[in-house]
Amino acid sequence: MNLISRRDVLGLLLAAPAGARAFAAESGGGWMDLFDGRSLDGWKASEHEETFSVVDGAGFGVTGGVIQVHGERSHLFYTGPVKGADFKNFEFSAEVMTRPGANSGIYFHTAFQPVGFPAAGFEVQVANSYKGDNKKTGSLYAVRNVAKQLVPDNAWFTMRIAVRGKDVQIWVNQMLVVDYVEPETPFRADPKFERVLNHGTFALQGHDPGSTTYFRNMRVRPLADGLTTPTDEEPVVDELYRETMRLGEENYPMVDYHVHLKGGLTLEQALANSRRLGIDYGIAINCGLGFPVHDDASVQAYLETMKDQPCYVALQGEGREWMTLTSPESVARFDYCFTDAMTFRDDAGRRVRLWIPEETPAINDAEAFMEMLVKRIEGVMREPIDIYANPTYLPDQIAARYDELWTPARMKRVIDAAIENDVAIEINNRRQIPSATFIKAGKAAGAKFSFGTNNEGAELGRLEYPIRMVRECGLKWQDIFVPKPAGQKPIEVKKWKMTEAGNSGQ
C-alpha cells in the first residue's frame, strides 16, 4: 500500500487556497504583504536605484501598482517591518511578468550588498525567453536548474517558494519544479556564492538594461523557526552529485532527453526523481505502426495527458514510416522529435529491428552490413528530427567488433550527415554509445550532442556516461542540444527533406 508522505501533505496544503491551509500546524502567522502596491517603502536598492520603480498596473490589466525592473544591474532588498526582514522558514508568493529576453530573479536568505550579485542566499531564477542562460524560470540557480521554458513572456504567472528546515520547494503556477534537500555538508559549485540555507531577507534582481520584469502581490507567510525538514531522505553527496551541480552551474543543460514511462515508471515518479537528482527529463512517446501514437487523434489524446507538466514532451519516431502517420502540425506540437536507425528495410527488402536477434538476419559479411547501415543512418538524418538516438548501435552478432567496424571514414559520414541536417547525436547512458573516439571526432567537426537514457524499466540512472564523456571529450555547454522554439523545429523547416526521406525506400 502506498502511504502519502508528510512532504506530499505539505505540497497539497500549498497547492490549496490560503484559507484552506490556514490550519497548518507549522504556521508562524498569516500571509503578509511585502509590497504596498504604491511605493518602494520597505525596500532598499543597491547600485543604480533607478532600475526599480512603481508603475500603474492599469496598463497591465491589473489594479494597484506594479514594481518595474528595468535598467542597469541592481538588486532591491526587502528592509520592511515584516519579521524584521529576517526569514528562516517561510512561504513566499509573487505574481511576475517578463518581457521577451528578460532576466531577473528572487533572492531569499540574502543580505543587503551595495554592489554586485548577492553572495549570500539563493536566487530563484526568472528568465523565460532569455537566451544567455540555460537556467529558466523556477530554477534554484546553479543548484537545481529548470531547463524548459514553462510560462510565456507578456503574461502574469505565480511564483511560490517554500523553505522548511533543509528543504526548498519552488512552484511556477501550479507546477512543482524544485524540491531540493540540502545535505549535511552542502556542496557549492561556485565558492563565490554561499548558497547555503540560513536566514535573511528577500531581494529582486535587475540583471541588465535589456531586461524588463514586473512584480506584484508579493506576500510572505512566516513559518516557525524550529520546523524540521519534511523528509527523512538524506542526499548522497558523491562525485557524480557534485559533477552534476558543477555542470549545471557551468550552464550545461542537464537534461535526459530520452525517458520512457515503462517498466512501471509513472510520470509522478519520474518528476519526483528529476527533482531529487537535479536532472530534467524529456518524456518520450513512441509514434509508429502499432505504437501508442499513430495518428493525429492519438497525438491530441496523449498531449492532453501531459498538459502543464514541468518536463519536456518528446516524440520518438518508430520505423521509417512514422512520418506518414501524423501531420506535420501534430509533430510540431512536441518539444522535439527523435528517432534511431535500428529499424529499417535491408537490401533484400526485409524489415529489420537490430535489437531483436530473431529479426536480424545472419550477418555473413560485416563490411557489407556496415555499408548498408551507414547508408540507412544517412537517410535517417534527412528525416525531420532533432536527435539521432541510440547512435552507432550494432546488433549482438557484431557488437564485439564495434571499434573495428566503426572506422574513421564511417564515423565521418555519420557526423557529416548530422551536421548537414542539424541533428544532435545522443550520448546514450544505458548502452554507453557512441564511443569517446566518435564523440571527439564529432566535437572537432562541430556536431551537437544530447544526453539520453532510453530506459528499459523504471531505473533511469544519473547520466553517468554522458557526464563522463563531457569531461573526457572536452565538450562545452554550447555543444549540447536544446530544443528549438516554435517555427524553427525540423518538422517546420525540413518538410521537403521529409518527403525525400519518406520516399527513399529505407
Protein backbone atom coordinates (compact mmCIF):
# COMPACT_ATOMS: atom_id res chain seq x y z
CA MET A 1 0.00 0.00 0.00
CA ASN A 2 1.35 3.44 -0.92
CA LEU A 3 1.27 5.83 2.04
CA ILE A 4 1.17 9.58 1.47
CA SER A 5 4.28 11.23 2.88
CA ARG A 6 4.46 14.30 5.05
CA ARG A 7 6.06 16.12 2.11
CA ASP A 8 3.07 15.20 -0.09
CA VAL A 9 0.69 16.57 2.54
CA LEU A 10 2.63 19.83 2.70
CA GLY A 11 2.59 20.09 -1.09
CA LEU A 12 -1.18 19.64 -1.13
CA LEU A 13 -1.54 22.32 1.51
CA LEU A 14 0.50 24.76 -0.54
CA ALA A 15 -1.49 23.98 -3.68
CA ALA A 16 -4.75 24.79 -1.85
CA PRO A 17 -6.14 28.32 -1.39
CA ALA A 18 -4.63 30.25 1.52
CA GLY A 19 -7.79 30.00 3.60
CA ALA A 20 -7.89 26.23 3.25
CA ARG A 21 -4.38 25.76 4.52
CA ALA A 22 -4.55 28.27 7.37
CA PHE A 23 -4.83 25.42 9.83
CA ALA A 24 -1.34 24.09 9.02
CA ALA A 25 0.38 23.28 12.29
CA GLU A 26 3.70 24.75 11.27
CA SER A 27 2.30 28.23 10.73
CA GLY A 28 4.07 31.15 12.30
CA GLY A 29 1.25 33.51 11.26
CA GLY A 30 -0.86 34.52 8.26
CA TRP A 31 0.07 35.97 4.91
CA MET A 32 1.62 39.44 4.98
CA ASP A 33 2.27 41.87 2.16
CA LEU A 34 5.84 42.83 1.33
CA PHE A 35 4.84 45.45 -1.28
CA ASP A 36 2.20 48.09 -0.50
CA GLY A 37 1.20 48.50 -4.15
CA ARG A 38 2.03 52.21 -4.15
CA SER A 39 5.71 52.76 -3.32
CA LEU A 40 9.03 51.11 -2.61
CA ASP A 41 8.74 51.81 1.10
CA GLY A 42 10.35 48.94 2.98
CA TRP A 43 12.75 48.19 0.13
CA LYS A 44 16.32 49.36 -0.46
CA ALA A 45 18.11 49.29 -3.81
CA SER A 46 21.82 48.70 -4.24
CA GLU A 47 23.68 50.24 -7.18
CA HIS A 48 21.58 52.03 -9.86
CA GLU A 49 18.48 52.77 -7.78
CA GLU A 50 16.68 53.95 -10.92
CA THR A 51 16.42 50.33 -12.12
CA PHE A 52 13.38 49.93 -9.82
CA SER A 53 10.17 51.93 -9.98
CA VAL A 54 6.45 51.57 -9.27
CA VAL A 55 4.14 51.93 -12.28
CA ASP A 56 0.37 51.91 -12.63
CA GLY A 57 -0.99 48.40 -13.04
CA ALA A 58 -3.83 49.61 -15.25
CA GLY A 59 -1.56 49.29 -18.24
CA PHE A 60 -1.24 45.58 -17.47
CA GLY A 61 -4.90 44.92 -16.82
CA VAL A 62 -4.46 44.78 -13.04
CA THR A 63 -5.32 47.10 -10.19
CA GLY A 64 -2.78 48.79 -7.98
CA GLY A 65 0.86 49.44 -8.55
CA VAL A 66 3.44 47.15 -10.08
CA ILE A 67 7.19 47.06 -9.45
CA GLN A 68 9.00 47.58 -12.75
CA VAL A 69 12.56 46.28 -13.03
CA HIS A 70 14.41 47.80 -15.98
CA GLY A 71 17.90 49.24 -16.13
CA GLU A 72 21.47 48.64 -15.12
CA ARG A 73 22.36 45.83 -12.74
CA SER A 74 20.87 46.37 -9.31
CA HIS A 75 19.15 44.50 -6.50
CA LEU A 76 16.18 45.61 -4.43
CA PHE A 77 16.32 44.25 -0.86
CA TYR A 78 13.37 43.99 1.48
CA THR A 79 14.04 46.04 4.64
CA GLY A 80 10.47 46.45 5.89
CA PRO A 81 8.81 45.59 9.20
CA VAL A 82 7.58 42.05 8.49
CA LYS A 83 9.53 39.77 10.84
CA GLY A 84 12.31 42.34 10.97
CA ALA A 85 13.15 41.45 7.34
CA ASP A 86 14.76 38.26 8.59
CA PHE A 87 13.19 34.98 7.47
CA LYS A 88 14.23 31.39 8.02
CA ASN A 89 11.25 29.13 7.26
CA PHE A 90 8.54 30.66 5.13
CA GLU A 91 6.16 30.51 2.21
CA PHE A 92 6.57 33.29 -0.35
CA SER A 93 4.32 34.17 -3.28
CA ALA A 94 4.54 36.75 -6.06
CA GLU A 95 2.97 37.41 -9.42
CA VAL A 96 5.55 38.01 -12.13
CA MET A 97 5.57 39.04 -15.76
CA THR A 98 8.55 39.13 -18.11
CA ARG A 99 9.08 40.90 -21.38
CA PRO A 100 10.90 38.99 -24.16
CA GLY A 101 14.55 38.44 -23.28
CA ALA A 102 14.11 39.37 -19.62
CA ASN A 103 16.40 38.04 -16.90
CA SER A 104 15.60 38.60 -13.25
CA GLY A 105 15.32 36.68 -10.02
CA ILE A 106 14.02 36.48 -6.47
CA TYR A 107 16.61 36.01 -3.73
CA PHE A 108 15.94 34.61 -0.29
CA HIS A 109 18.12 34.15 2.82
CA THR A 110 20.20 37.04 1.49
CA ALA A 111 21.55 40.30 2.92
CA PHE A 112 21.99 43.81 1.60
CA GLN A 113 25.04 44.18 -0.63
CA PRO A 114 25.85 47.60 -2.14
CA VAL A 115 27.28 46.32 -5.45
CA GLY A 116 27.39 43.13 -7.48
CA PHE A 117 25.30 39.99 -7.40
CA PRO A 118 24.40 39.00 -3.82
CA ALA A 119 26.80 36.42 -2.41
CA ALA A 120 24.51 35.34 0.42
CA GLY A 121 21.48 33.15 -0.08
CA PHE A 122 19.81 31.61 -3.10
CA GLU A 123 18.35 33.02 -6.30
CA VAL A 124 15.14 31.70 -7.80
CA GLN A 125 15.54 32.43 -11.49
CA VAL A 126 13.06 34.47 -13.54
CA ALA A 127 14.03 34.03 -17.19
CA ASN A 128 11.63 32.72 -19.82
CA SER A 129 12.95 33.52 -23.30
CA TYR A 130 16.34 34.86 -22.19
CA LYS A 131 18.99 33.31 -24.47
CA GLY A 132 22.18 33.72 -22.48
CA ASP A 133 21.48 31.08 -19.84
CA ASN A 134 20.06 27.55 -19.76
CA LYS A 135 18.62 28.17 -16.28
CA LYS A 136 14.96 29.04 -16.84
CA THR A 137 12.20 30.41 -14.63
CA GLY A 138 11.83 28.36 -11.46
CA SER A 139 15.47 27.31 -11.21
CA LEU A 140 17.12 27.35 -7.82
CA TYR A 141 20.01 28.96 -9.58
CA ALA A 142 23.01 26.66 -10.13
CA VAL A 143 21.68 24.22 -7.52
CA ARG A 144 18.56 22.77 -9.18
CA ASN A 145 18.11 24.16 -12.68
CA VAL A 146 14.96 24.11 -14.79
CA ALA A 147 15.85 23.76 -18.47
CA LYS A 148 12.45 24.19 -20.11
CA GLN A 149 10.57 27.45 -20.52
CA LEU A 150 7.32 26.73 -18.69
CA VAL A 151 5.47 30.05 -18.99
CA PRO A 152 5.32 32.67 -21.76
CA ASP A 153 6.50 36.24 -21.76
CA ASN A 154 3.94 39.05 -21.54
CA ALA A 155 1.65 37.11 -19.18
CA TRP A 156 1.36 37.07 -15.40
CA PHE A 157 2.36 33.89 -13.62
CA THR A 158 2.68 32.95 -9.97
CA MET A 159 5.99 32.07 -8.36
CA ARG A 160 5.92 30.36 -4.96
CA ILE A 161 8.81 29.42 -2.73
CA ALA A 162 8.68 27.37 0.47
CA VAL A 163 11.57 26.76 2.87
CA ARG A 164 11.18 24.29 5.75
CA GLY A 165 14.31 23.23 7.56
CA LYS A 166 16.69 21.95 4.90
CA ASP A 167 14.04 21.66 2.16
CA VAL A 168 13.36 24.20 -0.62
CA GLN A 169 10.37 23.84 -2.90
CA ILE A 170 9.54 26.09 -5.86
CA TRP A 171 6.34 26.27 -7.88
CA VAL A 172 5.73 28.01 -11.20
CA ASN A 173 1.97 28.42 -11.28
CA GLN A 174 0.79 25.01 -10.03
CA MET A 175 3.88 23.13 -11.20
CA LEU A 176 6.31 21.94 -8.53
CA VAL A 177 9.66 22.34 -10.29
CA VAL A 178 12.23 22.18 -7.48
CA ASP A 179 12.34 20.05 -4.33
CA TYR A 180 15.87 20.43 -3.03
CA VAL A 181 17.05 18.90 0.22
CA GLU A 182 20.30 20.44 1.39
CA PRO A 183 22.82 17.80 2.51
CA GLU A 184 24.51 17.94 5.88
CA THR A 185 27.62 19.34 4.18
CA PRO A 186 26.32 21.48 1.30
CA PHE A 187 28.26 21.41 -1.94
CA ARG A 188 28.88 24.77 -3.58
CA ALA A 189 29.73 24.58 -7.28
CA ASP A 190 30.90 28.20 -7.25
CA PRO A 191 32.63 29.22 -3.98
CA LYS A 192 31.95 32.92 -4.69
CA PHE A 193 28.32 32.36 -3.71
CA GLU A 194 27.29 30.91 -0.37
CA ARG A 195 24.04 29.19 -1.46
CA VAL A 196 23.59 27.66 1.97
CA LEU A 197 20.29 27.63 3.86
CA ASN A 198 20.42 30.02 6.77
CA HIS A 199 18.19 33.06 7.24
CA GLY A 200 17.91 36.53 5.74
CA THR A 201 15.79 38.80 3.62
CA PHE A 202 14.35 38.80 0.10
CA ALA A 203 15.63 40.70 -2.93
CA LEU A 204 14.60 41.30 -6.53
CA GLN A 205 17.18 41.30 -9.30
CA GLY A 206 17.70 43.83 -12.04
CA HIS A 207 20.04 41.98 -14.37
CA ASP A 208 20.81 44.19 -17.36
CA PRO A 209 19.46 47.16 -19.37
CA GLY A 210 17.89 44.88 -21.97
CA SER A 211 15.70 43.18 -19.40
CA THR A 212 12.24 44.23 -18.19
CA THR A 213 10.33 42.35 -15.49
CA TYR A 214 7.32 43.21 -13.34
CA PHE A 215 6.34 42.05 -9.83
CA ARG A 216 3.10 42.43 -7.89
CA ASN A 217 1.24 40.89 -4.95
CA MET A 218 4.42 39.89 -3.13
CA ARG A 219 3.49 38.19 0.12
CA VAL A 220 5.14 36.06 2.76
CA ARG A 221 3.83 33.66 5.37
CA PRO A 222 6.48 33.22 8.05
CA LEU A 223 6.74 29.73 9.49
CA ALA A 224 8.11 28.65 12.83
CA ASP A 225 11.90 28.77 13.00
CA GLY A 226 12.02 25.34 14.61
CA LEU A 227 10.43 23.48 11.70
CA THR A 228 12.21 20.30 10.69
CA THR A 229 12.85 19.13 7.14
CA PRO A 230 9.67 17.40 5.82
CA THR A 231 11.59 14.31 4.70
CA ASP A 232 13.95 11.80 6.24
CA GLU A 233 15.82 11.37 2.97
CA GLU A 234 19.47 12.40 3.17
CA PRO A 235 21.06 13.23 -0.20
CA VAL A 236 24.07 11.14 -1.14
CA VAL A 237 26.82 13.62 -1.98
CA ASP A 238 29.20 11.64 -4.16
CA GLU A 239 31.36 12.82 -7.03
CA LEU A 240 28.52 12.35 -9.53
CA TYR A 241 26.27 14.58 -7.37
CA ARG A 242 28.98 17.23 -7.33
CA GLU A 243 29.70 16.94 -11.04
CA THR A 244 26.01 17.28 -11.90
CA MET A 245 25.90 20.52 -9.93
CA ARG A 246 29.15 21.76 -11.44
CA LEU A 247 27.90 21.20 -14.98
CA GLY A 248 24.62 22.92 -14.19
CA GLU A 249 26.45 25.91 -12.75
CA GLU A 250 28.61 25.98 -15.91
CA ASN A 251 25.41 26.27 -18.00
CA TYR A 252 25.21 22.74 -19.37
CA PRO A 253 21.55 21.76 -19.84
CA MET A 254 21.34 18.75 -17.52
CA VAL A 255 18.52 17.01 -19.33
CA ASP A 256 17.88 13.33 -20.04
CA TYR A 257 16.04 13.74 -23.34
CA HIS A 258 15.22 10.04 -23.75
CA VAL A 259 12.94 8.82 -20.96
CA HIS A 260 10.02 6.42 -21.43
CA LEU A 261 7.21 5.73 -18.97
CA LYS A 262 7.67 1.97 -18.94
CA GLY A 263 8.53 -0.84 -16.56
CA GLY A 264 6.11 0.58 -14.02
CA LEU A 265 7.63 4.08 -14.11
CA THR A 266 4.89 6.69 -13.73
CA LEU A 267 5.04 10.34 -14.64
CA GLU A 268 4.78 11.29 -10.98
CA GLN A 269 7.75 9.04 -10.11
CA ALA A 270 9.80 10.43 -12.99
CA LEU A 271 9.16 14.02 -11.94
CA ALA A 272 9.99 13.27 -8.32
CA ASN A 273 13.22 11.59 -9.40
CA SER A 274 14.06 14.57 -11.60
CA ARG A 275 13.65 16.96 -8.69
CA ARG A 276 15.70 14.68 -6.41
CA LEU A 277 18.64 14.35 -8.82
CA GLY A 278 18.62 17.80 -10.39
CA ILE A 279 18.29 16.27 -13.89
CA ASP A 280 15.40 17.39 -16.09
CA TYR A 281 13.60 14.82 -18.23
CA GLY A 282 12.16 14.64 -21.70
CA ILE A 283 9.29 12.15 -21.59
CA ALA A 284 9.01 10.42 -24.97
CA ILE A 285 6.06 8.63 -26.56
CA ASN A 286 6.57 6.25 -29.49
CA CYS A 287 4.98 7.01 -32.85
CA GLY A 288 4.67 4.21 -35.41
CA LEU A 289 2.59 1.31 -36.64
CA GLY A 290 1.14 -0.47 -33.62
CA PHE A 291 2.51 2.16 -31.19
CA PRO A 292 0.58 4.42 -28.79
CA VAL A 293 0.79 7.40 -31.16
CA HIS A 294 -0.17 6.56 -34.73
CA ASP A 295 -2.40 9.42 -35.96
CA ASP A 296 -3.39 13.00 -35.14
CA ALA A 297 -6.13 11.92 -32.76
CA SER A 298 -3.73 9.87 -30.64
CA VAL A 299 -1.30 12.80 -30.59
CA GLN A 300 -4.05 15.04 -29.24
CA ALA A 301 -5.08 12.48 -26.62
CA TYR A 302 -1.51 11.99 -25.41
CA LEU A 303 -0.68 15.68 -25.23
CA GLU A 304 -3.76 16.26 -23.10
CA THR A 305 -2.30 13.89 -20.51
CA MET A 306 0.96 15.88 -20.48
CA LYS A 307 -0.58 19.34 -20.28
CA ASP A 308 1.02 21.66 -17.72
CA GLN A 309 3.67 19.13 -16.72
CA PRO A 310 7.13 20.52 -15.83
CA CYS A 311 9.07 18.41 -18.31
CA TYR A 312 9.84 18.22 -22.00
CA VAL A 313 7.40 16.18 -24.09
CA ALA A 314 9.02 14.31 -26.99
CA LEU A 315 8.02 12.15 -29.93
CA GLN A 316 10.11 9.11 -30.89
CA GLY A 317 9.63 8.04 -34.49
CA GLU A 318 9.50 4.24 -34.94
CA GLY A 319 10.46 2.70 -38.27
CA ARG A 320 10.77 4.74 -41.38
CA GLU A 321 7.02 5.07 -41.88
CA TRP A 322 6.39 7.16 -38.76
CA MET A 323 6.34 10.38 -40.80
CA THR A 324 3.35 9.22 -42.85
CA LEU A 325 1.09 8.62 -39.84
CA THR A 326 0.65 12.12 -38.40
CA SER A 327 0.51 15.61 -39.84
CA PRO A 328 3.49 17.94 -39.57
CA GLU A 329 1.33 20.21 -37.43
CA SER A 330 0.82 17.42 -34.88
CA VAL A 331 4.54 16.59 -34.74
CA ALA A 332 5.37 20.27 -34.23
CA ARG A 333 3.32 20.28 -31.02
CA PHE A 334 6.03 18.23 -29.30
CA ASP A 335 9.06 19.94 -27.81
CA TYR A 336 11.37 17.87 -30.01
CA CYS A 337 11.43 14.70 -32.06
CA PHE A 338 13.97 11.89 -32.33
CA THR A 339 14.48 8.52 -33.92
CA ASP A 340 17.19 5.92 -34.42
CA ALA A 341 18.43 3.70 -37.23
CA MET A 342 17.59 0.42 -35.54
CA THR A 343 14.51 -0.29 -37.68
CA PHE A 344 14.71 -0.33 -41.48
CA ARG A 345 14.37 -2.48 -44.58
CA ASP A 346 17.60 -4.12 -45.66
CA ASP A 347 18.83 -4.50 -49.23
CA ALA A 348 16.73 -7.67 -49.56
CA GLY A 349 13.56 -5.77 -48.57
CA ARG A 350 13.28 -7.40 -45.15
CA ARG A 351 12.11 -5.31 -42.19
CA VAL A 352 14.93 -5.42 -39.65
CA ARG A 353 14.90 -4.48 -35.97
CA LEU A 354 18.50 -4.63 -34.88
CA TRP A 355 17.95 -5.05 -31.15
CA ILE A 356 15.85 -8.18 -31.65
CA PRO A 357 18.07 -11.14 -32.60
CA GLU A 358 15.17 -13.01 -34.20
CA GLU A 359 14.51 -10.06 -36.53
CA THR A 360 18.12 -9.51 -37.54
CA PRO A 361 19.23 -11.73 -40.47
CA ALA A 362 22.57 -13.50 -40.27
CA ILE A 363 25.44 -11.11 -40.93
CA ASN A 364 27.82 -13.07 -43.10
CA ASP A 365 29.68 -10.05 -44.42
CA ALA A 366 30.18 -7.45 -41.69
CA GLU A 367 31.76 -4.93 -44.05
CA ALA A 368 28.79 -5.07 -46.42
CA PHE A 369 26.39 -4.79 -43.48
CA MET A 370 28.20 -1.69 -42.20
CA GLU A 371 27.99 -0.05 -45.62
CA MET A 372 24.25 -0.65 -45.66
CA LEU A 373 23.86 0.55 -42.06
CA VAL A 374 25.72 3.80 -42.65
CA LYS A 375 23.55 4.50 -45.70
CA ARG A 376 20.44 3.92 -43.60
CA ILE A 377 21.75 6.28 -40.92
CA GLU A 378 22.42 8.95 -43.54
CA GLY A 379 18.81 8.54 -44.70
CA VAL A 380 17.51 8.83 -41.13
CA MET A 381 19.37 12.13 -40.74
CA ARG A 382 17.20 13.59 -43.51
CA GLU A 383 14.05 12.91 -41.54
CA PRO A 384 12.54 15.89 -39.62
CA ILE A 385 14.20 15.02 -36.31
CA ASP A 386 16.14 16.90 -33.65
CA ILE A 387 18.14 13.97 -32.25
CA TYR A 388 19.64 10.77 -33.67
CA ALA A 389 19.20 8.31 -30.78
CA ASN A 390 20.98 5.06 -29.94
CA PRO A 391 23.79 6.16 -32.27
CA THR A 392 26.26 3.69 -33.76
CA TYR A 393 24.35 0.75 -32.25
CA LEU A 394 25.43 -2.63 -33.60
CA PRO A 395 23.46 -5.89 -33.29
CA ASP A 396 24.69 -8.63 -30.97
CA GLN A 397 26.24 -10.60 -33.84
CA ILE A 398 28.93 -7.98 -34.43
CA ALA A 399 28.78 -5.75 -31.31
CA ALA A 400 32.12 -7.04 -30.04
CA ARG A 401 33.76 -5.62 -33.18
CA TYR A 402 32.48 -2.07 -32.55
CA ASP A 403 35.88 -0.34 -32.56
CA GLU A 404 36.99 -2.25 -35.64
CA LEU A 405 33.84 -1.73 -37.69
CA TRP A 406 33.25 1.90 -36.80
CA THR A 407 36.18 3.15 -38.85
CA PRO A 408 37.11 6.83 -39.03
CA ALA A 409 35.59 7.03 -42.53
CA ARG A 410 32.26 5.62 -41.37
CA MET A 411 32.19 7.83 -38.30
CA LYS A 412 32.85 10.85 -40.50
CA ARG A 413 29.93 10.02 -42.80
CA VAL A 414 27.53 9.83 -39.86
CA ILE A 415 28.89 13.00 -38.26
CA ASP A 416 28.78 14.90 -41.55
CA ALA A 417 25.17 13.84 -42.11
CA ALA A 418 24.22 15.00 -38.61
CA ILE A 419 25.84 18.40 -39.11
CA GLU A 420 24.41 18.87 -42.60
CA ASN A 421 20.89 18.17 -41.33
CA ASP A 422 21.24 19.97 -37.99
CA VAL A 423 20.64 16.81 -35.96
CA ALA A 424 22.10 16.30 -32.48
CA ILE A 425 23.76 12.97 -31.68
CA GLU A 426 22.61 11.29 -28.49
CA ILE A 427 25.17 10.19 -25.90
CA ASN A 428 23.29 7.15 -24.66
CA ASN A 429 23.65 6.32 -20.99
CA ARG A 430 22.26 2.78 -20.97
CA ARG A 431 24.19 1.48 -23.99
CA GLN A 432 27.23 3.74 -23.44
CA ILE A 433 27.42 4.75 -27.08
CA PRO A 434 28.82 6.34 -29.14
CA SER A 435 32.44 5.80 -28.21
CA ALA A 436 34.71 8.54 -26.92
CA THR A 437 36.58 8.35 -30.23
CA PHE A 438 33.35 9.10 -32.11
CA ILE A 439 32.37 11.93 -29.74
CA LYS A 440 35.78 13.58 -30.02
CA ALA A 441 35.57 13.40 -33.82
CA GLY A 442 32.08 14.89 -33.69
CA LYS A 443 33.19 17.66 -31.36
CA ALA A 444 36.08 18.54 -33.69
CA ALA A 445 33.72 18.68 -36.67
CA GLY A 446 31.16 20.88 -34.90
CA ALA A 447 28.41 18.37 -34.12
CA LYS A 448 25.83 18.87 -31.38
CA PHE A 449 25.14 16.23 -28.72
CA SER A 450 22.29 15.37 -26.37
CA PHE A 451 22.07 13.21 -23.26
CA GLY A 452 19.65 10.27 -23.17
CA THR A 453 19.00 7.04 -21.29
CA ASN A 454 16.41 5.05 -23.30
CA ASN A 455 15.43 3.20 -20.15
CA GLU A 456 14.31 -0.43 -20.25
CA GLY A 457 12.47 -0.20 -16.94
CA ALA A 458 11.84 2.19 -14.08
CA GLU A 459 15.54 2.74 -13.34
CA LEU A 460 16.84 5.87 -15.10
CA GLY A 461 20.36 6.23 -13.79
CA ARG A 462 22.09 9.58 -13.33
CA LEU A 463 23.57 10.29 -16.78
CA GLU A 464 26.82 8.68 -15.68
CA TYR A 465 28.16 8.03 -19.18
CA PRO A 466 27.22 11.40 -20.75
CA ILE A 467 28.73 13.25 -17.80
CA ARG A 468 31.96 11.27 -18.11
CA MET A 469 32.06 11.92 -21.86
CA VAL A 470 31.60 15.66 -21.37
CA ARG A 471 34.83 15.86 -19.40
CA GLU A 472 36.77 13.18 -21.29
CA CYS A 473 35.92 14.58 -24.72
CA GLY A 474 36.12 18.27 -23.83
CA LEU A 475 32.51 19.10 -24.66
CA LYS A 476 31.39 22.64 -23.85
CA TRP A 477 27.88 23.68 -22.92
CA GLN A 478 27.46 25.19 -26.37
CA ASP A 479 27.94 21.68 -27.83
CA ILE A 480 24.84 20.38 -26.06
CA PHE A 481 21.41 20.33 -27.68
CA VAL A 482 18.50 22.48 -26.55
CA PRO A 483 15.11 22.20 -28.27
CA LYS A 484 14.28 24.74 -30.92
CA PRO A 485 11.43 27.23 -30.49
CA ALA A 486 8.19 27.09 -32.43
CA GLY A 487 8.70 27.99 -36.08
CA GLN A 488 12.24 26.60 -36.13
CA LYS A 489 11.58 22.91 -35.46
CA PRO A 490 12.80 20.41 -38.07
CA ILE A 491 9.25 19.36 -38.92
CA GLU A 492 8.55 23.01 -39.78
CA VAL A 493 11.67 23.67 -41.86
CA LYS A 494 12.58 20.25 -43.31
CA LYS A 495 9.27 19.25 -44.92
CA TRP A 496 10.71 18.66 -48.38
CA LYS A 497 13.58 16.61 -46.96
CA MET A 498 10.99 14.66 -45.02
CA THR A 499 9.23 13.75 -48.26
CA GLU A 500 12.51 12.79 -49.86
CA ALA A 501 13.46 10.51 -46.96
CA GLY A 502 9.98 9.06 -46.79
CA ASN A 503 10.20 8.01 -50.43
CA SER A 504 13.71 6.61 -50.17
CA GLY A 505 12.56 3.04 -49.60
CA GLN A 506 14.60 2.71 -46.41
